Amino acid sequence: MSINDLFYTDKATLMVGVAGKPNEWGIVEKNYEFIAEDIPASLTPISTYHSQQKYGIESKVTFEVSMDYIENCELANEIIVDNQPYKVVSYIVYPAFMCLPKSITYGVKR
């Protein structure tokens, strides 16, 4: 248990999209595989101004999902929080600092 667990009140599921084989018409379907389930996380809405300052002027990020860093979490391109899917637009990995463990913050949109 880390100190961040006090702030991580939501449960998140990380998923990665895997392209399947093309069908007879050449259409490739995308399937999702779980990276990790029920990870303590925090879902926070952010303003357009803050999104543009943090993720770039063309950013379409409307929420941030923060959690402790886990192995292969950079591969996630969809996050489910409270049965709502969010598409990952960007992420920032923060190194461990003093008593805080390494963490990751995803910029996501619905």
C-alpha atoms as a PDB file:
ATOM      1  CA  MET A   1       0.000   0.000   0.000  1.00  0.00           C
ATOM      2  CA  SER A   2       1.388   3.333  -1.000  1.00  0.00           C
ATOM      3  CA  ILE A   3       0.611   6.832   0.158  1.00  0.00           C
ATOM      4  CA  ASN A   4      -1.185   7.428  -3.148  1.00  0.00           C
ATOM      5  CA  ASP A   5      -3.848   4.862  -2.217  1.00  0.00           C
ATOM      6  CA  LEU A   6      -5.449   7.595  -0.117  1.00  0.00           C
ATOM      7  CA  PHE A   7      -6.192   9.503  -3.320  1.00  0.00           C
ATOM      8  CA  TYR A   8      -6.856   6.571  -5.663  1.00  0.00           C
ATOM      9  CA  THR A   9     -10.528   5.957  -4.954  1.00  0.00           C
ATOM     10  CA  ASP A  10     -11.539   4.508  -8.347  1.00  0.00           C
ATOM     11  CA  LYS A  11     -10.746   1.124  -9.893  1.00  0.00           C
ATOM     12  CA  ALA A  12      -9.307   1.052 -13.411  1.00  0.00           C
ATOM     13  CA  THR A  13      -8.811  -1.684 -15.982  1.00  0.00           C
ATOM     14  CA  LEU A  14      -6.010  -1.235 -18.519  1.00  0.00           C
ATOM     15  CA  MET A  15      -6.512  -2.697 -21.983  1.00  0.00           C
ATOM     16  CA  VAL A  16      -4.368  -2.886 -25.100  1.00  0.00           C
ATOM     17  CA  GLY A  17      -5.735  -3.140 -28.642  1.00  0.00           C
ATOM     18  CA  VAL A  18      -4.458  -6.035 -30.714  1.00  0.00           C
ATOM     19  CA  ALA A  19      -5.096  -6.171 -34.448  1.00  0.00           C
ATOM     20  CA  GLY A  20      -6.548  -9.437 -35.690  1.00  0.00           C
ATOM     21  CA  LYS A  21      -6.152 -11.049 -39.081  1.00  0.00           C
ATOM     22  CA  PRO A  22      -7.945  -9.446 -42.019  1.00  0.00           C
ATOM     23  CA  ASN A  23     -11.174 -11.091 -43.124  1.00  0.00           C
ATOM     24  CA  GLU A  24     -12.073 -11.961 -46.716  1.00  0.00           C
ATOM     25  CA  TRP A  25     -12.779  -8.293 -47.508  1.00  0.00           C
ATOM     26  CA  GLY A  26      -9.516  -7.079 -45.995  1.00  0.00           C
ATOM     27  CA  ILE A  27     -11.139  -5.558 -42.905  1.00  0.00           C
ATOM     28  CA  VAL A  28      -8.998  -5.878 -39.798  1.00  0.00           C
ATOM     29  CA  GLU A  29     -10.850  -5.988 -36.502  1.00  0.00           C
ATOM     30  CA  LYS A  30      -9.284  -4.728 -33.306  1.00  0.00           C
ATOM     31  CA  ASN A  31      -9.607  -6.881 -30.196  1.00  0.00           C
ATOM     32  CA  TYR A  32      -8.763  -5.767 -26.691  1.00  0.00           C
ATOM     33  CA  GLU A  33      -6.698  -7.719 -24.182  1.00  0.00           C
ATOM     34  CA  PHE A  34      -6.400  -6.973 -20.481  1.00  0.00           C
ATOM     35  CA  ILE A  35      -3.094  -5.690 -19.118  1.00  0.00           C
ATOM     36  CA  ALA A  36      -4.330  -5.372 -15.534  1.00  0.00           C
ATOM     37  CA  GLU A  37      -7.666  -5.179 -13.723  1.00  0.00           C
ATOM     38  CA  ASP A  38      -8.933  -3.401 -10.612  1.00  0.00           C
ATOM     39  CA  ILE A  39      -5.975  -1.063 -10.229  1.00  0.00           C
ATOM     40  CA  PRO A  40      -6.488   1.754  -7.705  1.00  0.00           C
ATOM     41  CA  ALA A  41      -6.662   4.967  -9.724  1.00  0.00           C
ATOM     42  CA  SER A  42      -8.004   8.490  -9.730  1.00  0.00           C
ATOM     43  CA  LEU A  43     -10.158   9.901 -12.553  1.00  0.00           C
ATOM     44  CA  THR A  44     -10.115  13.712 -12.728  1.00  0.00           C
ATOM     45  CA  PRO A  45     -11.711  16.038 -15.300  1.00  0.00           C
ATOM     46  CA  ILE A  46      -9.417  18.782 -16.592  1.00  0.00           C
ATOM     47  CA  SER A  47     -10.067  22.045 -18.382  1.00  0.00           C
ATOM     48  CA  THR A  48      -9.236  22.683 -22.017  1.00  0.00           C
ATOM     49  CA  TYR A  49      -6.622  25.239 -20.966  1.00  0.00           C
ATOM     50  CA  HIS A  50      -4.870  22.810 -18.616  1.00  0.00           C
ATOM     51  CA  SER A  51      -5.041  20.066 -21.259  1.00  0.00           C
ATOM     52  CA  GLN A  52      -3.393  22.288 -23.872  1.00  0.00           C
ATOM     53  CA  GLN A  53      -0.682  23.409 -21.441  1.00  0.00           C
ATOM     54  CA  LYS A  54       0.169  19.875 -20.345  1.00  0.00           C
ATOM     55  CA  TYR A  55      -0.413  17.755 -23.485  1.00  0.00           C
ATOM     56  CA  GLY A  56      -0.020  20.234 -26.346  1.00  0.00           C
ATOM     57  CA  ILE A  57      -2.071  22.862 -28.136  1.00  0.00           C
ATOM     58  CA  GLU A  58      -3.918  20.283 -30.293  1.00  0.00           C
ATOM     59  CA  SER A  59      -4.837  18.188 -27.250  1.00  0.00           C
ATOM     60  CA  LYS A  60      -8.312  16.693 -26.959  1.00  0.00           C
ATOM     61  CA  VAL A  61      -7.761  15.379 -23.427  1.00  0.00           C
ATOM     62  CA  THR A  62     -10.772  15.874 -21.146  1.00  0.00           C
ATOM     63  CA  PHE A  63      -9.845  13.627 -18.182  1.00  0.00           C
ATOM     64  CA  GLU A  64      -6.720  12.419 -16.419  1.00  0.00           C
ATOM     65  CA  VAL A  65      -6.321   8.957 -14.892  1.00  0.00           C
ATOM     66  CA  SER A  66      -3.502   8.670 -12.345  1.00  0.00           C
ATOM     67  CA  MET A  67      -2.183   5.457 -10.785  1.00  0.00           C
ATOM     68  CA  ASP A  68       0.954   3.800  -9.486  1.00  0.00           C
ATOM     69  CA  TYR A  69       3.235   2.544 -12.237  1.00  0.00           C
ATOM     70  CA  ILE A  70       2.902  -1.134 -13.144  1.00  0.00           C
ATOM     71  CA  GLU A  71       4.789  -3.205 -15.683  1.00  0.00           C
ATOM     72  CA  ASN A  72       3.726  -2.649 -19.322  1.00  0.00           C
ATOM     73  CA  CYS A  73       1.255   0.107 -18.429  1.00  0.00           C
ATOM     74  CA  GLU A  74       2.621   2.275 -21.263  1.00  0.00           C
ATOM     75  CA  LEU A  75       1.016  -0.125 -23.759  1.00  0.00           C
ATOM     76  CA  ALA A  76      -2.522   0.703 -22.645  1.00  0.00           C
ATOM     77  CA  ASN A  77      -4.674   2.434 -25.234  1.00  0.00           C
ATOM     78  CA  GLU A  78      -8.018   2.066 -23.473  1.00  0.00           C
ATOM     79  CA  ILE A  79      -8.880   2.415 -19.787  1.00  0.00           C
ATOM     80  CA  ILE A  80     -12.167   1.431 -18.191  1.00  0.00           C
ATOM     81  CA  VAL A  81     -13.166   3.293 -15.012  1.00  0.00           C
ATOM     82  CA  ASP A  82     -16.592   2.671 -13.447  1.00  0.00           C
ATOM     83  CA  ASN A  83     -17.711   0.756 -16.578  1.00  0.00           C
ATOM     84  CA  GLN A  84     -16.938   3.781 -18.782  1.00  0.00           C
ATOM     85  CA  PRO A  85     -14.308   3.295 -21.523  1.00  0.00           C
ATOM     86  CA  TYR A  86     -11.772   6.072 -22.114  1.00  0.00           C
ATOM     87  CA  LYS A  87      -9.314   6.287 -25.025  1.00  0.00           C
ATOM     88  CA  VAL A  88      -5.717   7.068 -24.069  1.00  0.00           C
ATOM     89  CA  VAL A  89      -4.407  10.146 -25.875  1.00  0.00           C
ATOM     90  CA  SER A  90      -1.106  10.567 -24.029  1.00  0.00           C
ATOM     91  CA  TYR A  91       0.643   9.641 -20.816  1.00  0.00           C
ATOM     92  CA  ILE A  92       3.355  10.959 -18.518  1.00  0.00           C
ATOM     93  CA  VAL A  93       5.495   8.743 -16.276  1.00  0.00           C
ATOM     94  CA  TYR A  94       6.642  10.393 -13.051  1.00  0.00           C
ATOM     95  CA  PRO A  95       9.760   8.957 -11.342  1.00  0.00           C
ATOM     96  CA  ALA A  96       9.746   7.964  -7.694  1.00  0.00           C
ATOM     97  CA  PHE A  97      10.325  10.932  -5.397  1.00  0.00           C
ATOM     98  CA  MET A  98      11.019  10.669  -1.666  1.00  0.00           C
ATOM     99  CA  CYS A  99       8.129   8.592  -0.227  1.00  0.00           C
ATOM    100  CA  LEU A 100       6.081   8.616  -3.467  1.00  0.00           C
ATOM    101  CA  PRO A 101       6.420   5.603  -5.762  1.00  0.00           C
ATOM    102  CA  LYS A 102       6.823   5.809  -9.547  1.00  0.00           C
ATOM    103  CA  SER A 103       3.466   6.749 -11.079  1.00  0.00           C
ATOM    104  CA  ILE A 104       1.781   7.321 -14.419  1.00  0.00           C
ATOM    105  CA  THR A 105      -0.853   9.831 -15.502  1.00  0.00           C
ATOM    106  CA  TYR A 106      -2.864   9.189 -18.663  1.00  0.00           C
ATOM    107  CA  GLY A 107      -4.533  11.931 -20.648  1.00  0.00           C
ATOM    108  CA  VAL A 108      -7.793  10.345 -21.853  1.00  0.00           C
ATOM    109  CA  LYS A 109     -10.999  11.233 -23.655  1.00  0.00           C
ATOM    110  CA  ARG A 110     -14.376   9.526 -23.943  1.00  0.00           C
END
